[in-house]
Structures are given as C-alpha cells and as structure tokens.
C-alpha atoms as a PDB file:
ATOM      1  CA  MET A   1      -5.710 -45.626 -23.331  1.00  0.00           C
ATOM      2  CA  LYS A   2      -9.758 -45.482 -22.123  1.00  0.00           C
ATOM      3  CA  ILE A   3     -12.415 -47.586 -23.973  1.00  0.00           C
ATOM      4  CA  TYR A   4     -15.896 -47.038 -23.394  1.00  0.00           C
ATOM      5  CA  GLU A   5     -19.731 -46.818 -24.885  1.00  0.00           C
ATOM      6  CA  THR A   6     -20.316 -42.594 -24.724  1.00  0.00           C
ATOM      7  CA  LYS A   7     -24.077 -40.517 -25.593  1.00  0.00           C
ATOM      8  CA  LEU A   8     -24.019 -38.674 -27.943  1.00  0.00           C
ATOM      9  CA  ASN A   9     -23.981 -34.545 -27.310  1.00  0.00           C
ATOM     10  CA  ASP A  10     -22.707 -31.659 -29.222  1.00  0.00           C
ATOM     11  CA  ASP A  11     -19.050 -31.917 -28.642  1.00  0.00           C
ATOM     12  CA  LEU A  12     -19.072 -35.655 -29.720  1.00  0.00           C
ATOM     13  CA  LEU A  13     -21.239 -34.674 -32.491  1.00  0.00           C
ATOM     14  CA  GLU A  14     -18.944 -32.064 -34.106  1.00  0.00           C
ATOM     15  CA  LYS A  15     -15.663 -34.291 -33.631  1.00  0.00           C
ATOM     16  CA  LEU A  16     -17.177 -37.764 -34.723  1.00  0.00           C
ATOM     17  CA  ILE A  17     -18.030 -35.521 -38.126  1.00  0.00           C
ATOM     18  CA  LEU A  18     -14.497 -34.463 -38.285  1.00  0.00           C
ATOM     19  CA  PHE A  19     -13.082 -38.106 -38.351  1.00  0.00           C
ATOM     20  CA  SER A  20     -15.577 -38.719 -40.949  1.00  0.00           C
ATOM     21  CA  GLU A  21     -14.291 -35.652 -43.038  1.00  0.00           C
ATOM     22  CA  GLU A  22     -10.783 -37.360 -42.266  1.00  0.00           C
ATOM     23  CA  TRP A  23     -12.403 -40.992 -43.469  1.00  0.00           C
ATOM     24  CA  GLU A  24     -13.912 -39.220 -46.712  1.00  0.00           C
ATOM     25  CA  LYS A  25     -10.410 -37.421 -47.917  1.00  0.00           C
ATOM     26  CA  GLU A  26      -8.466 -40.661 -47.608  1.00  0.00           C
ATOM     27  CA  ASN A  27     -10.463 -42.173 -49.520  1.00  0.00           C
ATOM     28  CA  CYS A  28     -10.223 -45.756 -49.143  1.00  0.00           C
ATOM     29  CA  THR A  29     -13.504 -47.291 -48.648  1.00  0.00           C
ATOM     30  CA  TYR A  30     -15.782 -46.943 -51.583  1.00  0.00           C
ATOM     31  CA  GLY A  31     -18.675 -44.849 -51.796  1.00  0.00           C
ATOM     32  CA  TYR A  32     -17.968 -43.164 -48.147  1.00  0.00           C
ATOM     33  CA  HIS A  33     -18.879 -40.006 -47.653  1.00  0.00           C
ATOM     34  CA  LYS A  34     -18.554 -37.962 -43.939  1.00  0.00           C
ATOM     35  CA  ASN A  35     -21.249 -38.442 -41.660  1.00  0.00           C
ATOM     36  CA  GLN A  36     -24.001 -36.454 -41.083  1.00  0.00           C
ATOM     37  CA  LYS A  37     -26.120 -36.031 -37.736  1.00  0.00           C
ATOM     38  CA  GLU A  38     -29.127 -38.521 -39.214  1.00  0.00           C
ATOM     39  CA  ASP A  39     -26.159 -41.187 -39.679  1.00  0.00           C
ATOM     40  CA  ILE A  40     -24.691 -40.944 -35.953  1.00  0.00           C
ATOM     41  CA  GLU A  41     -27.690 -40.564 -33.206  1.00  0.00           C
ATOM     42  CA  ARG A  42     -28.690 -43.797 -34.564  1.00  0.00           C
ATOM     43  CA  ASN A  43     -25.897 -45.721 -33.606  1.00  0.00           C
ATOM     44  CA  ARG A  44     -24.331 -46.695 -30.265  1.00  0.00           C
ATOM     45  CA  ILE A  45     -21.327 -44.933 -29.655  1.00  0.00           C
ATOM     46  CA  PHE A  46     -17.977 -46.350 -28.580  1.00  0.00           C
ATOM     47  CA  VAL A  47     -14.790 -44.036 -28.317  1.00  0.00           C
ATOM     48  CA  ALA A  48     -11.125 -44.809 -28.059  1.00  0.00           C
ATOM     49  CA  GLU A  49      -9.632 -41.346 -26.141  1.00  0.00           C
ATOM     50  CA  GLU A  50      -6.411 -40.676 -25.048  1.00  0.00           C
ATOM     51  CA  ASN A  51      -5.281 -37.814 -23.288  1.00  0.00           C
ATOM     52  CA  SER A  52      -8.658 -37.172 -22.784  1.00  0.00           C
ATOM     53  CA  GLN A  53      -8.521 -36.629 -26.943  1.00  0.00           C
ATOM     54  CA  ILE A  54     -10.632 -38.691 -29.085  1.00  0.00           C
ATOM     55  CA  ILE A  55      -8.684 -40.974 -31.521  1.00  0.00           C
ATOM     56  CA  GLY A  56     -11.333 -43.527 -32.646  1.00  0.00           C
ATOM     57  CA  TYR A  57     -14.511 -44.946 -32.513  1.00  0.00           C
ATOM     58  CA  LEU A  58     -17.509 -47.782 -33.340  1.00  0.00           C
ATOM     59  CA  PHE A  59     -20.459 -47.152 -34.580  1.00  0.00           C
ATOM     60  CA  ALA A  60     -23.040 -49.767 -34.105  1.00  0.00           C
ATOM     61  CA  ALA A  61     -27.241 -50.326 -34.453  1.00  0.00           C
ATOM     62  CA  GLU A  62     -29.420 -52.959 -33.176  1.00  0.00           C
ATOM     63  CA  LYS A  63     -30.876 -55.481 -36.060  1.00  0.00           C
ATOM     64  CA  ILE A  64     -33.215 -58.196 -36.058  1.00  0.00           C
ATOM     65  CA  SER A  65     -32.786 -60.910 -38.452  1.00  0.00           C
ATOM     66  CA  GLU A  66     -36.073 -60.625 -40.685  1.00  0.00           C
ATOM     67  CA  LYS A  67     -35.842 -64.257 -41.660  1.00  0.00           C
ATOM     68  CA  ASP A  68     -33.891 -67.775 -41.107  1.00  0.00           C
ATOM     69  CA  SER A  69     -30.684 -67.808 -43.262  1.00  0.00           C
ATOM     70  CA  SER A  70     -27.539 -69.912 -43.013  1.00  0.00           C
ATOM     71  CA  ILE A  71     -26.089 -67.961 -40.126  1.00  0.00           C
ATOM     72  CA  ILE A  72     -29.232 -66.784 -38.221  1.00  0.00           C
ATOM     73  CA  LYS A  73     -32.980 -67.565 -37.222  1.00  0.00           C
ATOM     74  CA  LYS A  74     -35.893 -64.848 -37.779  1.00  0.00           C
ATOM     75  CA  ASP A  75     -36.501 -62.463 -35.343  1.00  0.00           C
ATOM     76  CA  GLU A  76     -32.650 -62.955 -33.565  1.00  0.00           C
ATOM     77  CA  LYS A  77     -31.648 -59.639 -32.365  1.00  0.00           C
ATOM     78  CA  TYR A  78     -27.860 -58.731 -33.548  1.00  0.00           C
ATOM     79  CA  MET A  79     -25.916 -55.941 -33.780  1.00  0.00           C
ATOM     80  CA  GLU A  80     -24.341 -54.550 -36.854  1.00  0.00           C
ATOM     81  CA  ILE A  81     -21.257 -52.773 -36.772  1.00  0.00           C
ATOM     82  CA  GLU A  82     -21.562 -49.775 -38.766  1.00  0.00           C
ATOM     83  CA  GLU A  83     -18.322 -48.211 -38.764  1.00  0.00           C
ATOM     84  CA  VAL A  84     -14.599 -48.388 -37.350  1.00  0.00           C
ATOM     85  CA  TYR A  85     -12.374 -45.484 -37.652  1.00  0.00           C
ATOM     86  CA  ILE A  86      -9.065 -44.637 -35.909  1.00  0.00           C
ATOM     87  CA  SER A  87      -6.981 -41.803 -36.474  1.00  0.00           C
ATOM     88  CA  LYS A  88      -4.502 -42.804 -39.529  1.00  0.00           C
ATOM     89  CA  GLU A  89      -1.629 -41.833 -36.947  1.00  0.00           C
ATOM     90  CA  LEU A  90      -2.497 -44.544 -34.992  1.00  0.00           C
ATOM     91  CA  ARG A  91      -3.613 -47.414 -36.650  1.00  0.00           C
ATOM     92  CA  LYS A  92      -2.056 -50.649 -36.344  1.00  0.00           C
ATOM     93  CA  ASN A  93      -1.743 -50.071 -32.745  1.00  0.00           C
ATOM     94  CA  GLY A  94      -4.448 -51.982 -31.401  1.00  0.00           C
ATOM     95  CA  ILE A  95      -6.505 -49.630 -31.056  1.00  0.00           C
ATOM     96  CA  GLY A  96      -9.063 -50.554 -33.632  1.00  0.00           C
ATOM     97  CA  GLN A  97      -8.946 -54.334 -31.640  1.00  0.00           C
ATOM     98  CA  LYS A  98     -10.026 -52.832 -28.434  1.00  0.00           C
ATOM     99  CA  LEU A  99     -12.662 -50.972 -29.231  1.00  0.00           C
ATOM    100  CA  PHE A 100     -14.216 -54.010 -31.019  1.00  0.00           C
ATOM    101  CA  LYS A 101     -13.531 -56.650 -28.125  1.00  0.00           C
ATOM    102  CA  ALA A 102     -14.963 -53.734 -26.179  1.00  0.00           C
ATOM    103  CA  ALA A 103     -17.902 -53.444 -27.957  1.00  0.00           C
ATOM    104  CA  GLU A 104     -18.227 -57.277 -28.022  1.00  0.00           C
ATOM    105  CA  GLU A 105     -18.072 -57.791 -24.521  1.00  0.00           C
ATOM    106  CA  LYS A 106     -20.837 -55.299 -23.909  1.00  0.00           C
ATOM    107  CA  PHE A 107     -23.047 -56.655 -26.770  1.00  0.00           C
ATOM    108  CA  LYS A 108     -22.460 -60.174 -25.808  1.00  0.00           C
ATOM    109  CA  ASN A 109     -23.689 -59.439 -21.425  1.00  0.00           C
ATOM    110  CA  GLU A 110     -26.468 -57.700 -23.605  1.00  0.00           C
ATOM    111  CA  GLY A 111     -28.002 -61.359 -25.323  1.00  0.00           C
ATOM    112  CA  TYR A 112     -27.238 -60.050 -28.491  1.00  0.00           C
ATOM    113  CA  ALA A 113     -26.699 -63.349 -30.893  1.00  0.00           C
ATOM    114  CA  GLN A 114     -24.101 -62.148 -33.201  1.00  0.00           C
ATOM    115  CA  ILE A 115     -22.235 -59.111 -34.958  1.00  0.00           C
ATOM    116  CA  MET A 116     -22.523 -58.665 -38.131  1.00  0.00           C
ATOM    117  CA  LEU A 117     -20.889 -55.834 -40.391  1.00  0.00           C
ATOM    118  CA  THR A 118     -20.306 -55.301 -43.819  1.00  0.00           C
ATOM    119  CA  SER A 119     -17.019 -53.657 -45.340  1.00  0.00           C
ATOM    120  CA  ALA A 120     -16.215 -51.838 -48.299  1.00  0.00           C
ATOM    121  CA  ASN A 121     -12.660 -50.899 -47.727  1.00  0.00           C
ATOM    122  CA  ARG A 122      -9.534 -50.259 -50.957  1.00  0.00           C
ATOM    123  CA  ASP A 123      -7.611 -53.050 -48.634  1.00  0.00           C
ATOM    124  CA  PHE A 124      -9.174 -56.343 -48.995  1.00  0.00           C
ATOM    125  CA  LYS A 125      -5.785 -57.810 -47.285  1.00  0.00           C
ATOM    126  CA  SER A 126      -5.450 -55.791 -44.204  1.00  0.00           C
ATOM    127  CA  LEU A 127      -9.381 -56.144 -43.983  1.00  0.00           C
ATOM    128  CA  LEU A 128      -9.610 -59.358 -44.114  1.00  0.00           C
ATOM    129  CA  HIS A 129      -6.503 -59.548 -41.425  1.00  0.00           C
ATOM    130  CA  PHE A 130      -8.265 -57.490 -39.113  1.00  0.00           C
ATOM    131  CA  TYR A 131     -11.700 -59.198 -38.897  1.00  0.00           C
ATOM    132  CA  ILE A 132     -10.732 -62.382 -38.810  1.00  0.00           C
ATOM    133  CA  ASP A 133      -7.026 -62.955 -37.959  1.00  0.00           C
ATOM    134  CA  GLU A 134      -7.331 -60.692 -35.477  1.00  0.00           C
ATOM    135  CA  LEU A 135     -10.810 -60.336 -34.095  1.00  0.00           C
ATOM    136  CA  ASP A 136     -11.827 -63.932 -35.073  1.00  0.00           C
ATOM    137  CA  MET A 137     -14.875 -63.365 -37.261  1.00  0.00           C
ATOM    138  CA  ASN A 138     -15.648 -65.820 -39.814  1.00  0.00           C
ATOM    139  CA  LEU A 139     -16.305 -64.605 -43.624  1.00  0.00           C
ATOM    140  CA  TRP A 140     -20.340 -64.886 -44.539  1.00  0.00           C
ATOM    141  CA  SER A 141     -20.226 -64.001 -48.155  1.00  0.00           C
ATOM    142  CA  ALA A 142     -18.442 -61.358 -50.445  1.00  0.00           C
ATOM    143  CA  ARG A 143     -19.146 -59.539 -53.207  1.00  0.00           C
ATOM    144  CA  LEU A 144     -17.237 -58.406 -55.773  1.00  0.00           C
ATOM    145  CA  PHE A 145     -17.021 -56.103 -58.724  1.00  0.00           C
ATOM    146  CA  LYS A 146     -15.474 -55.783 -61.618  1.00  0.00           C
ATOM    147  CA  LYS A 147     -15.575 -52.686 -63.715  1.00  0.00           C
ATOM    148  CA  LEU A 148     -16.109 -52.559 -67.420  1.00  0.00           C
END
C-alpha cells in the first residue's frame, strides 16, 4: 500500500466525488452529503492506494486559532481534519490509521501546533476507539443531542 499527499486534478476529483457518494449512501454520518469540487479543492489531500487504485483519503485544512482556549493559544496554526474515508470493504485493516499517521508526521514537521477534528459518525464507540485508542488523540469536548 502506498500513502501520499497529492494535488487535486480532474481525474482525482472524479474519484474523490465517487467516494463521497458511497459515504453519503452509507448514511453512517449525521447530515453528510457528497462533496462538490469546492468542498475538496480547499483541502490538502492524502490518499491510500493499492494496486494503483485509491482505497481511501484524508482531507485537512489549515486553520489559525482566533482566540485562546483551554487547548490552543490565539494565532496558533493547526490542521483540521475535514474527512477520513476508507472503502467500506477495506475498513478495520489499519488504512485509516496509516493515512492519519502520514498526515500527522507531515504536519508535525511543518510546525503545526496540533491536529483537530469534529466527527458526526453514528457509531460513536468505533469513532472513539479509532481516534482515542488507535491514534492517541484526546477528547476536548462532546456535543450531544436528543430528538424530542
């Protein structure tokens, strides 16, 4: 398997939009809708490839903290993970972890203060296991809801 950062081109855009259509059909994330070009082009893109086929991706965008918080100082730059998606049939094989670690290493070398993300995955137990147990992230806050 090959993992690398890449620039967006028409061929890659088409493949990434197809992935996002798969994600939307899965209905595993609250409110997720397939990507449009403008959703993708503003991100740094990391892909996992096997036998010249993309099997997963990670999008990240640079952010700058607007104010001091309990975990980051005002004006610090950080990376916000926008999306991580692995082909459904290939999940649980460590691909997402390898994608994340590759991005993490690159961002660390570039001097970013931290990586942050928000997730709306319906399977919160798997989500917490992946990000906390496997990737050693910390939980900063939780936003819960209950429909009435």
